[in-house]
Amino acid sequence: MKVLFDPRVKKFLKNISKQERAKVTEYVDLFKEYGFALGQKYLKKVDNKIWELRPGKMRVFLFKYSANHIVIHAMFKKSQKITKETKQLLASRLKEYL
């Protein structure tokens, strides 16, 4: 399974600490290996097409596109629920790819 990163996500990941970046990489590698069979501790469905990887204080959002998976957004978790603004951002980035 191939996981691609949106350039905006790559930029975000360059600006976080090495430990946080390593945790994100670890979770992405787990996703590559196990896919959607990962438990809710690691992976949660956000809506019809978007999934959330949950590495510690980070949230990494991805979706399946053809044979690949694309990470469209990453952020620090600030609350239990995904904000309305984040949902709008995810929807607009999803539209860019579809």
PDB file of N, CA and C in Angstrom:
ATOM      1  N   MET A   1       0.850  -1.174   0.000  1.00  0.00           N
ATOM      2  CA  MET A   1       0.000   0.000   0.000  1.00  0.00           C
ATOM      3  C   MET A   1       0.895   1.235   0.000  1.00  0.00           C
ATOM      4  N   LYS A   2       0.520   2.195  -0.818  1.00  0.00           N
ATOM      5  CA  LYS A   2       1.304   3.418  -0.926  1.00  0.00           C
ATOM      6  C   LYS A   2       0.552   4.578  -0.275  1.00  0.00           C
ATOM      7  N   VAL A   3       1.263   5.354   0.530  1.00  0.00           N
ATOM      8  CA  VAL A   3       0.679   6.529   1.185  1.00  0.00           C
ATOM      9  C   VAL A   3       1.445   7.759   0.699  1.00  0.00           C
ATOM     10  N   LEU A   4       0.718   8.695   0.102  1.00  0.00           N
ATOM     11  CA  LEU A   4       1.301   9.935  -0.403  1.00  0.00           C
ATOM     12  C   LEU A   4       0.899  11.084   0.508  1.00  0.00           C
ATOM     13  N   PHE A   5       1.726  12.128   0.533  1.00  0.00           N
ATOM     14  CA  PHE A   5       1.465  13.286   1.387  1.00  0.00           C
ATOM     15  C   PHE A   5       1.223  14.529   0.549  1.00  0.00           C
ATOM     16  N   ASP A   6       0.174  15.252   0.879  1.00  0.00           N
ATOM     17  CA  ASP A   6      -0.082  16.555   0.291  1.00  0.00           C
ATOM     18  C   ASP A   6       1.102  17.462   0.642  1.00  0.00           C
ATOM     19  N   PRO A   7       1.536  18.331  -0.273  1.00  0.00           N
ATOM     20  CA  PRO A   7       2.685  19.214   0.020  1.00  0.00           C
ATOM     21  C   PRO A   7       2.495  20.072   1.270  1.00  0.00           C
ATOM     22  N   ARG A   8       1.264  20.474   1.563  1.00  0.00           N
ATOM     23  CA  ARG A   8       1.006  21.282   2.767  1.00  0.00           C
ATOM     24  C   ARG A   8       1.247  20.462   4.029  1.00  0.00           C
ATOM     25  N   VAL A   9       0.964  19.170   3.964  1.00  0.00           N
ATOM     26  CA  VAL A   9       1.212  18.293   5.105  1.00  0.00           C
ATOM     27  C   VAL A   9       2.711  18.092   5.280  1.00  0.00           C
ATOM     28  N   LYS A  10       3.430  17.917   4.183  1.00  0.00           N
ATOM     29  CA  LYS A  10       4.891  17.779   4.253  1.00  0.00           C
ATOM     30  C   LYS A  10       5.512  19.003   4.924  1.00  0.00           C
ATOM     31  N   LYS A  11       5.034  20.176   4.541  1.00  0.00           N
ATOM     32  CA  LYS A  11       5.539  21.427   5.127  1.00  0.00           C
ATOM     33  C   LYS A  11       5.256  21.465   6.632  1.00  0.00           C
ATOM     34  N   PHE A  12       4.035  21.075   7.020  1.00  0.00           N
ATOM     35  CA  PHE A  12       3.669  21.045   8.433  1.00  0.00           C
ATOM     36  C   PHE A  12       4.580  20.083   9.199  1.00  0.00           C
ATOM     37  N   LEU A  13       4.813  18.906   8.646  1.00  0.00           N
ATOM     38  CA  LEU A  13       5.621  17.894   9.329  1.00  0.00           C
ATOM     39  C   LEU A  13       7.086  18.321   9.475  1.00  0.00           C
ATOM     40  N   LYS A  14       7.577  19.120   8.537  1.00  0.00           N
ATOM     41  CA  LYS A  14       8.952  19.627   8.641  1.00  0.00           C
ATOM     42  C   LYS A  14       9.113  20.576   9.822  1.00  0.00           C
ATOM     43  N   ASN A  15       8.015  21.212  10.231  1.00  0.00           N
ATOM     44  CA  ASN A  15       8.074  22.241  11.272  1.00  0.00           C
ATOM     45  C   ASN A  15       7.715  21.738  12.669  1.00  0.00           C
ATOM     46  N   ILE A  16       7.552  20.432  12.834  1.00  0.00           N
ATOM     47  CA  ILE A  16       7.279  19.896  14.165  1.00  0.00           C
ATOM     48  C   ILE A  16       8.527  19.176  14.671  1.00  0.00           C
ATOM     49  N   SER A  17       8.515  18.799  15.933  1.00  0.00           N
ATOM     50  CA  SER A  17       9.698  18.171  16.521  1.00  0.00           C
ATOM     51  C   SER A  17       9.973  16.798  15.905  1.00  0.00           C
ATOM     52  N   LYS A  18      11.206  16.349  16.047  1.00  0.00           N
ATOM     53  CA  LYS A  18      11.592  15.039  15.515  1.00  0.00           C
ATOM     54  C   LYS A  18      10.794  13.915  16.159  1.00  0.00           C
ATOM     55  N   GLN A  19      10.516  14.039  17.453  1.00  0.00           N
ATOM     56  CA  GLN A  19       9.756  13.010  18.157  1.00  0.00           C
ATOM     57  C   GLN A  19       8.329  12.913  17.601  1.00  0.00           C
ATOM     58  N   GLU A  20       7.700  14.061  17.391  1.00  0.00           N
ATOM     59  CA  GLU A  20       6.335  14.066  16.860  1.00  0.00           C
ATOM     60  C   GLU A  20       6.310  13.533  15.431  1.00  0.00           C
ATOM     61  N   ARG A  21       7.301  13.938  14.632  1.00  0.00           N
ATOM     62  CA  ARG A  21       7.396  13.463  13.254  1.00  0.00           C
ATOM     63  C   ARG A  21       7.616  11.950  13.215  1.00  0.00           C
ATOM     64  N   ALA A  22       8.433  11.436  14.146  1.00  0.00           N
ATOM     65  CA  ALA A  22       8.696   9.998  14.223  1.00  0.00           C
ATOM     66  C   ALA A  22       7.420   9.238  14.578  1.00  0.00           C
ATOM     67  N   LYS A  23       6.622   9.803  15.472  1.00  0.00           N
ATOM     68  CA  LYS A  23       5.366   9.161  15.871  1.00  0.00           C
ATOM     69  C   LYS A  23       4.404   9.099  14.681  1.00  0.00           C
ATOM     70  N   VAL A  24       4.320  10.180  13.914  1.00  0.00           N
ATOM     71  CA  VAL A  24       3.470  10.191  12.721  1.00  0.00           C
ATOM     72  C   VAL A  24       3.963   9.141  11.730  1.00  0.00           C
ATOM     73  N   THR A  25       5.269   9.087  11.509  1.00  0.00           N
ATOM     74  CA  THR A  25       5.850   8.102  10.593  1.00  0.00           C
ATOM     75  C   THR A  25       5.549   6.686  11.056  1.00  0.00           C
ATOM     76  N   GLU A  26       5.646   6.444  12.354  1.00  0.00           N
ATOM     77  CA  GLU A  26       5.347   5.122  12.909  1.00  0.00           C
ATOM     78  C   GLU A  26       3.898   4.719  12.612  1.00  0.00           C
ATOM     79  N   TYR A  27       2.965   5.620  12.801  1.00  0.00           N
ATOM     80  CA  TYR A  27       1.555   5.320  12.568  1.00  0.00           C
ATOM     81  C   TYR A  27       1.262   5.138  11.074  1.00  0.00           C
ATOM     82  N   VAL A  28       1.901   5.937  10.235  1.00  0.00           N
ATOM     83  CA  VAL A  28       1.714   5.774   8.795  1.00  0.00           C
ATOM     84  C   VAL A  28       2.257   4.411   8.356  1.00  0.00           C
ATOM     85  N   ASP A  29       3.400   4.009   8.917  1.00  0.00           N
ATOM     86  CA  ASP A  29       3.956   2.696   8.603  1.00  0.00           C
ATOM     87  C   ASP A  29       3.028   1.573   9.067  1.00  0.00           C
ATOM     88  N   LEU A  30       2.432   1.722  10.252  1.00  0.00           N
ATOM     89  CA  LEU A  30       1.458   0.738  10.713  1.00  0.00           C
ATOM     90  C   LEU A  30       0.269   0.665   9.755  1.00  0.00           C
ATOM     91  N   PHE A  31      -0.171   1.825   9.295  1.00  0.00           N
ATOM     92  CA  PHE A  31      -1.288   1.852   8.350  1.00  0.00           C
ATOM     93  C   PHE A  31      -0.908   1.167   7.042  1.00  0.00           C
ATOM     94  N   LYS A  32       0.314   1.399   6.570  1.00  0.00           N
ATOM     95  CA  LYS A  32       0.774   0.746   5.344  1.00  0.00           C
ATOM     96  C   LYS A  32       0.753  -0.769   5.503  1.00  0.00           C
ATOM     97  N   GLU A  33       1.109  -1.237   6.681  1.00  0.00           N
ATOM     98  CA  GLU A  33       1.184  -2.675   6.918  1.00  0.00           C
ATOM     99  C   GLU A  33      -0.184  -3.313   7.136  1.00  0.00           C
ATOM    100  N   TYR A  34      -1.036  -2.668   7.947  1.00  0.00           N
ATOM    101  CA  TYR A  34      -2.305  -3.280   8.339  1.00  0.00           C
ATOM    102  C   TYR A  34      -3.533  -2.661   7.677  1.00  0.00           C
ATOM    103  N   GLY A  35      -3.393  -1.490   7.090  1.00  0.00           N
ATOM    104  CA  GLY A  35      -4.517  -0.850   6.429  1.00  0.00           C
ATOM    105  C   GLY A  35      -5.660  -0.541   7.383  1.00  0.00           C
ATOM    106  N   PHE A  36      -6.872  -0.756   6.909  1.00  0.00           N
ATOM    107  CA  PHE A  36      -8.050  -0.410   7.692  1.00  0.00           C
ATOM    108  C   PHE A  36      -8.353  -1.428   8.783  1.00  0.00           C
ATOM    109  N   ALA A  37      -7.499  -2.433   8.946  1.00  0.00           N
ATOM    110  CA  ALA A  37      -7.669  -3.412  10.023  1.00  0.00           C
ATOM    111  C   ALA A  37      -7.114  -2.896  11.352  1.00  0.00           C
ATOM    112  N   LEU A  38      -6.475  -1.729  11.337  1.00  0.00           N
ATOM    113  CA  LEU A  38      -5.976  -1.139  12.585  1.00  0.00           C
ATOM    114  C   LEU A  38      -7.139  -0.849  13.523  1.00  0.00           C
ATOM    115  N   GLY A  39      -6.899  -0.984  14.803  1.00  0.00           N
ATOM    116  CA  GLY A  39      -7.942  -0.718  15.791  1.00  0.00           C
ATOM    117  C   GLY A  39      -8.232   0.762  15.943  1.00  0.00           C
ATOM    118  N   GLN A  40      -9.294   1.053  16.694  1.00  0.00           N
ATOM    119  CA  GLN A  40      -9.722   2.436  16.889  1.00  0.00           C
ATOM    120  C   GLN A  40      -8.683   3.262  17.654  1.00  0.00           C
ATOM    121  N   LYS A  41      -7.803   2.615  18.368  1.00  0.00           N
ATOM    122  CA  LYS A  41      -6.725   3.336  19.048  1.00  0.00           C
ATOM    123  C   LYS A  41      -5.852   4.073  18.021  1.00  0.00           C
ATOM    124  N   TYR A  42      -5.730   3.497  16.833  1.00  0.00           N
ATOM    125  CA  TYR A  42      -4.860   4.045  15.799  1.00  0.00           C
ATOM    126  C   TYR A  42      -5.607   4.770  14.683  1.00  0.00           C
ATOM    127  N   LEU A  43      -6.772   4.271  14.332  1.00  0.00           N
ATOM    128  CA  LEU A  43      -7.462   4.728  13.134  1.00  0.00           C
ATOM    129  C   LEU A  43      -8.959   4.857  13.400  1.00  0.00           C
ATOM    130  N   LYS A  44      -9.530   5.959  12.917  1.00  0.00           N
ATOM    131  CA  LYS A  44     -10.961   6.177  13.113  1.00  0.00           C
ATOM    132  C   LYS A  44     -11.540   6.807  11.844  1.00  0.00           C
ATOM    133  N   LYS A  45     -12.738   6.395  11.486  1.00  0.00           N
ATOM    134  CA  LYS A  45     -13.407   6.960  10.314  1.00  0.00           C
ATOM    135  C   LYS A  45     -14.038   8.293  10.688  1.00  0.00           C
ATOM    136  N   VAL A  46     -13.735   9.332   9.904  1.00  0.00           N
ATOM    137  CA  VAL A  46     -14.263  10.669  10.166  1.00  0.00           C
ATOM    138  C   VAL A  46     -15.572  10.866   9.415  1.00  0.00           C
ATOM    139  N   ASP A  47     -15.567  10.527   8.144  1.00  0.00           N
ATOM    140  CA  ASP A  47     -16.791  10.572   7.361  1.00  0.00           C
ATOM    141  C   ASP A  47     -16.724   9.504   6.282  1.00  0.00           C
ATOM    142  N   ASN A  48     -17.524   9.642   5.265  1.00  0.00           N
ATOM    143  CA  ASN A  48     -17.648   8.611   4.243  1.00  0.00           C
ATOM    144  C   ASN A  48     -16.317   8.240   3.584  1.00  0.00           C
ATOM    145  N   LYS A  49     -15.432   9.202   3.356  1.00  0.00           N
ATOM    146  CA  LYS A  49     -14.192   8.940   2.641  1.00  0.00           C
ATOM    147  C   LYS A  49     -12.933   9.232   3.439  1.00  0.00           C
ATOM    148  N   ILE A  50     -13.032   9.973   4.520  1.00  0.00           N
ATOM    149  CA  ILE A  50     -11.851  10.437   5.248  1.00  0.00           C
ATOM    150  C   ILE A  50     -11.662   9.640   6.537  1.00  0.00           C
ATOM    151  N   TRP A  51     -10.411   9.256   6.773  1.00  0.00           N
ATOM    152  CA  TRP A  51     -10.021   8.516   7.977  1.00  0.00           C
ATOM    153  C   TRP A  51      -8.995   9.326   8.748  1.00  0.00           C
ATOM    154  N   GLU A  52      -8.921   9.065  10.048  1.00  0.00           N
ATOM    155  CA  GLU A  52      -8.040   9.808  10.945  1.00  0.00           C
ATOM    156  C   GLU A  52      -7.075   8.834  11.619  1.00  0.00           C
ATOM    157  N   LEU A  53      -5.771   9.039  11.388  1.00  0.00           N
ATOM    158  CA  LEU A  53      -4.753   8.340  12.162  1.00  0.00           C
ATOM    159  C   LEU A  53      -4.521   9.155  13.411  1.00  0.00           C
ATOM    160  N   ARG A  54      -4.260   8.490  14.548  1.00  0.00           N
ATOM    161  CA  ARG A  54      -4.241   9.195  15.832  1.00  0.00           C
ATOM    162  C   ARG A  54      -2.937   9.006  16.603  1.00  0.00           C
ATOM    163  N   PRO A  55      -1.830   9.523  16.073  1.00  0.00           N
ATOM    164  CA  PRO A  55      -0.553   9.382  16.784  1.00  0.00           C
ATOM    165  C   PRO A  55      -0.385  10.398  17.918  1.00  0.00           C
ATOM    166  N   GLY A  56      -0.671   9.988  19.132  1.00  0.00           N
ATOM    167  CA  GLY A  56      -0.479  10.851  20.302  1.00  0.00           C
ATOM    168  C   GLY A  56      -1.302  12.118  20.242  1.00  0.00           C
ATOM    169  N   LYS A  57      -0.632  13.269  20.294  1.00  0.00           N
ATOM    170  CA  LYS A  57      -1.307  14.569  20.269  1.00  0.00           C
ATOM    171  C   LYS A  57      -1.611  15.039  18.854  1.00  0.00           C
ATOM    172  N   MET A  58      -1.251  14.233  17.872  1.00  0.00           N
ATOM    173  CA  MET A  58      -1.432  14.602  16.470  1.00  0.00           C
ATOM    174  C   MET A  58      -2.662  13.920  15.885  1.00  0.00           C
ATOM    175  N   ARG A  59      -3.184  14.523  14.831  1.00  0.00           N
ATOM    176  CA  ARG A  59      -4.239  13.906  14.033  1.00  0.00           C
ATOM    177  C   ARG A  59      -3.811  14.025  12.576  1.00  0.00           C
ATOM    178  N   VAL A  60      -3.870  12.909  11.857  1.00  0.00           N
ATOM    179  CA  VAL A  60      -3.449  12.848  10.459  1.00  0.00           C
ATOM    180  C   VAL A  60      -4.635  12.313   9.654  1.00  0.00           C
ATOM    181  N   PHE A  61      -5.110  13.104   8.704  1.00  0.00           N
ATOM    182  CA  PHE A  61      -6.308  12.755   7.946  1.00  0.00           C
ATOM    183  C   PHE A  61      -5.923  12.280   6.542  1.00  0.00           C
ATOM    184  N   LEU A  62      -6.526  11.164   6.135  1.00  0.00           N
ATOM    185  CA  LEU A  62      -6.212  10.603   4.827  1.00  0.00           C
ATOM    186  C   LEU A  62      -7.448  10.024   4.167  1.00  0.00           C
ATOM    187  N   PHE A  63      -7.333   9.764   2.880  1.00  0.00           N
ATOM    188  CA  PHE A  63      -8.421   9.118   2.153  1.00  0.00           C
ATOM    189  C   PHE A  63      -7.834   8.242   1.061  1.00  0.00           C
ATOM    190  N   LYS A  64      -8.644   7.305   0.594  1.00  0.00           N
ATOM    191  CA  LYS A  64      -8.206   6.394  -0.461  1.00  0.00           C
ATOM    192  C   LYS A  64      -8.483   7.039  -1.806  1.00  0.00           C
ATOM    193  N   TYR A  65      -7.452   7.067  -2.641  1.00  0.00           N
ATOM    194  CA  TYR A  65      -7.569   7.636  -3.978  1.00  0.00           C
ATOM    195  C   TYR A  65      -6.959   6.648  -4.955  1.00  0.00           C
ATOM    196  N   SER A  66      -7.797   5.991  -5.721  1.00  0.00           N
ATOM    197  CA  SER A  66      -7.343   4.963  -6.649  1.00  0.00           C
ATOM    198  C   SER A  66      -6.658   3.863  -5.841  1.00  0.00           C
ATOM    199  N   ALA A  67      -5.422   3.516  -6.194  1.00  0.00           N
ATOM    200  CA  ALA A  67      -4.704   2.468  -5.458  1.00  0.00           C
ATOM    201  C   ALA A  67      -3.884   3.044  -4.304  1.00  0.00           C
ATOM    202  N   ASN A  68      -3.888   4.354  -4.158  1.00  0.00           N
ATOM    203  CA  ASN A  68      -3.076   5.031  -3.138  1.00  0.00           C
ATOM    204  C   ASN A  68      -3.950   5.585  -2.018  1.00  0.00           C
ATOM    205  N   HIS A  69      -3.265   6.007  -0.968  1.00  0.00           N
ATOM    206  CA  HIS A  69      -3.909   6.746   0.115  1.00  0.00           C
ATOM    207  C   HIS A  69      -3.170   8.076   0.213  1.00  0.00           C
ATOM    208  N   ILE A  70      -3.917   9.149   0.360  1.00  0.00           N
ATOM    209  CA  ILE A  70      -3.308  10.476   0.392  1.00  0.00           C
ATOM    210  C   ILE A  70      -3.602  11.139   1.731  1.00  0.00           C
ATOM    211  N   VAL A  71      -2.537  11.601   2.379  1.00  0.00           N
ATOM    212  CA  VAL A  71      -2.666  12.362   3.626  1.00  0.00           C
ATOM    213  C   VAL A  71      -2.936  13.803   3.223  1.00  0.00           C
ATOM    214  N   ILE A  72      -4.123  14.306   3.587  1.00  0.00           N
ATOM    215  CA  ILE A  72      -4.530  15.638   3.137  1.00  0.00           C
ATOM    216  C   ILE A  72      -4.419  16.705   4.222  1.00  0.00           C
ATOM    217  N   HIS A  73      -4.248  16.283   5.482  1.00  0.00           N
ATOM    218  CA  HIS A  73      -4.159  17.280   6.556  1.00  0.00           C
ATOM    219  C   HIS A  73      -3.553  16.630   7.789  1.00  0.00           C
ATOM    220  N   ALA A  74      -2.793  17.406   8.534  1.00  0.00           N
ATOM    221  CA  ALA A  74      -2.254  16.970   9.825  1.00  0.00           C
ATOM    222  C   ALA A  74      -2.324  18.156  10.769  1.00  0.00           C
ATOM    223  N   MET A  75      -2.572  17.870  12.043  1.00  0.00           N
ATOM    224  CA  MET A  75      -2.716  18.953  13.020  1.00  0.00           C
ATOM    225  C   MET A  75      -2.494  18.411  14.426  1.00  0.00           C
ATOM    226  N   PHE A  76      -2.329  19.318  15.358  1.00  0.00           N
ATOM    227  CA  PHE A  76      -2.276  18.945  16.761  1.00  0.00           C
ATOM    228  C   PHE A  76      -3.703  18.867  17.287  1.00  0.00           C
ATOM    229  N   LYS A  77      -3.986  17.844  18.059  1.00  0.00           N
ATOM    230  CA  LYS A  77      -5.314  17.662  18.649  1.00  0.00           C
ATOM    231  C   LYS A  77      -5.515  18.724  19.719  1.00  0.00           C
ATOM    232  N   LYS A  78      -6.626  19.443  19.633  1.00  0.00           N
ATOM    233  CA  LYS A  78      -6.927  20.473  20.620  1.00  0.00           C
ATOM    234  C   LYS A  78      -8.181  20.144  21.418  1.00  0.00           C
ATOM    235  N   SER A  79      -9.039  19.315  20.828  1.00  0.00           N
ATOM    236  CA  SER A  79     -10.264  18.927  21.527  1.00  0.00           C
ATOM    237  C   SER A  79     -10.670  17.528  21.093  1.00  0.00           C
ATOM    238  N   GLN A  80     -11.663  16.977  21.749  1.00  0.00           N
ATOM    239  CA  GLN A  80     -12.130  15.632  21.418  1.00  0.00           C
ATOM    240  C   GLN A  80     -12.810  15.587  20.047  1.00  0.00           C
ATOM    241  N   LYS A  81     -13.539  16.642  19.726  1.00  0.00           N
ATOM    242  CA  LYS A  81     -14.281  16.668  18.469  1.00  0.00           C
ATOM    243  C   LYS A  81     -13.509  17.433  17.403  1.00  0.00           C
ATOM    244  N   ILE A  82     -13.776  17.067  16.162  1.00  0.00           N
ATOM    245  CA  ILE A  82     -13.198  17.787  15.033  1.00  0.00           C
ATOM    246  C   ILE A  82     -14.030  19.042  14.814  1.00  0.00           C
ATOM    247  N   THR A  83     -13.364  20.184  14.731  1.00  0.00           N
ATOM    248  CA  THR A  83     -14.087  21.447  14.595  1.00  0.00           C
ATOM    249  C   THR A  83     -14.738  21.578  13.214  1.00  0.00           C
ATOM    250  N   LYS A  84     -15.683  22.457  13.146  1.00  0.00           N
ATOM    251  CA  LYS A  84     -16.382  22.739  11.890  1.00  0.00           C
ATOM    252  C   LYS A  84     -15.396  23.244  10.834  1.00  0.00           C
ATOM    253  N   GLU A  85     -14.452  24.078  11.244  1.00  0.00           N
ATOM    254  CA  GLU A  85     -13.459  24.630  10.326  1.00  0.00           C
ATOM    255  C   GLU A  85     -12.574  23.519   9.764  1.00  0.00           C
ATOM    256  N   THR A  86     -12.180  22.577  10.616  1.00  0.00           N
ATOM    257  CA  THR A  86     -11.350  21.466  10.162  1.00  0.00           C
ATOM    258  C   THR A  86     -12.122  20.602   9.181  1.00  0.00           C
ATOM    259  N   LYS A  87     -13.394  20.351   9.458  1.00  0.00           N
ATOM    260  CA  LYS A  87     -14.211  19.562   8.536  1.00  0.00           C
ATOM    261  C   LYS A  87     -14.336  20.250   7.181  1.00  0.00           C
ATOM    262  N   GLN A  88     -14.482  21.577   7.195  1.00  0.00           N
ATOM    263  CA  GLN A  88     -14.557  22.320   5.934  1.00  0.00           C
ATOM    264  C   GLN A  88     -13.236  22.238   5.173  1.00  0.00           C
ATOM    265  N   LEU A  89     -12.122  22.343   5.888  1.00  0.00           N
ATOM    266  CA  LEU A  89     -10.809  22.231   5.264  1.00  0.00           C
ATOM    267  C   LEU A  89     -10.624  20.853   4.648  1.00  0.00           C
ATOM    268  N   LEU A  90     -11.007  19.813   5.376  1.00  0.00           N
ATOM    269  CA  LEU A  90     -10.892  18.450   4.861  1.00  0.00           C
ATOM    270  C   LEU A  90     -11.740  18.275   3.601  1.00  0.00           C
ATOM    271  N   ALA A  91     -12.950  18.805   3.621  1.00  0.00           N
ATOM    272  CA  ALA A  91     -13.831  18.696   2.459  1.00  0.00           C
ATOM    273  C   ALA A  91     -13.241  19.409   1.247  1.00  0.00           C
ATOM    274  N   SER A  92     -12.669  20.585   1.460  1.00  0.00           N
ATOM    275  CA  SER A  92     -12.109  21.319   0.324  1.00  0.00           C
ATOM    276  C   SER A  92     -10.864  20.633  -0.237  1.00  0.00           C
ATOM    277  N   ARG A  93     -10.033  20.074   0.639  1.00  0.00           N
ATOM    278  CA  ARG A  93      -8.846  19.359   0.150  1.00  0.00           C
ATOM    279  C   ARG A  93      -9.239  18.066  -0.555  1.00  0.00           C
ATOM    280  N   LEU A  94     -10.268  17.407  -0.060  1.00  0.00           N
ATOM    281  CA  LEU A  94     -10.756  16.196  -0.702  1.00  0.00           C
ATOM    282  C   LEU A  94     -11.242  16.531  -2.116  1.00  0.00           C
ATOM    283  N   LYS A  95     -11.964  17.632  -2.270  1.00  0.00           N
ATOM    284  CA  LYS A  95     -12.455  18.054  -3.584  1.00  0.00           C
ATOM    285  C   LYS A  95     -11.313  18.334  -4.538  1.00  0.00           C
ATOM    286  N   GLU A  96     -10.209  18.875  -4.030  1.00  0.00           N
ATOM    287  CA  GLU A  96      -9.049  19.148  -4.879  1.00  0.00           C
ATOM    288  C   GLU A  96      -8.534  17.878  -5.550  1.00  0.00           C
ATOM    289  N   TYR A  97      -8.601  16.767  -4.833  1.00  0.00           N
ATOM    290  CA  TYR A  97      -8.092  15.514  -5.370  1.00  0.00           C
ATOM    291  C   TYR A  97      -9.121  14.744  -6.178  1.00  0.00           C
ATOM    292  N   LEU A  98     -10.387  14.974  -5.890  1.00  0.00           N
ATOM    293  CA  LEU A  98     -11.431  14.254  -6.620  1.00  0.00           C
ATOM    294  C   LEU A  98     -11.912  15.118  -7.742  1.00  0.00           C
TER     295      LEU A  98
END
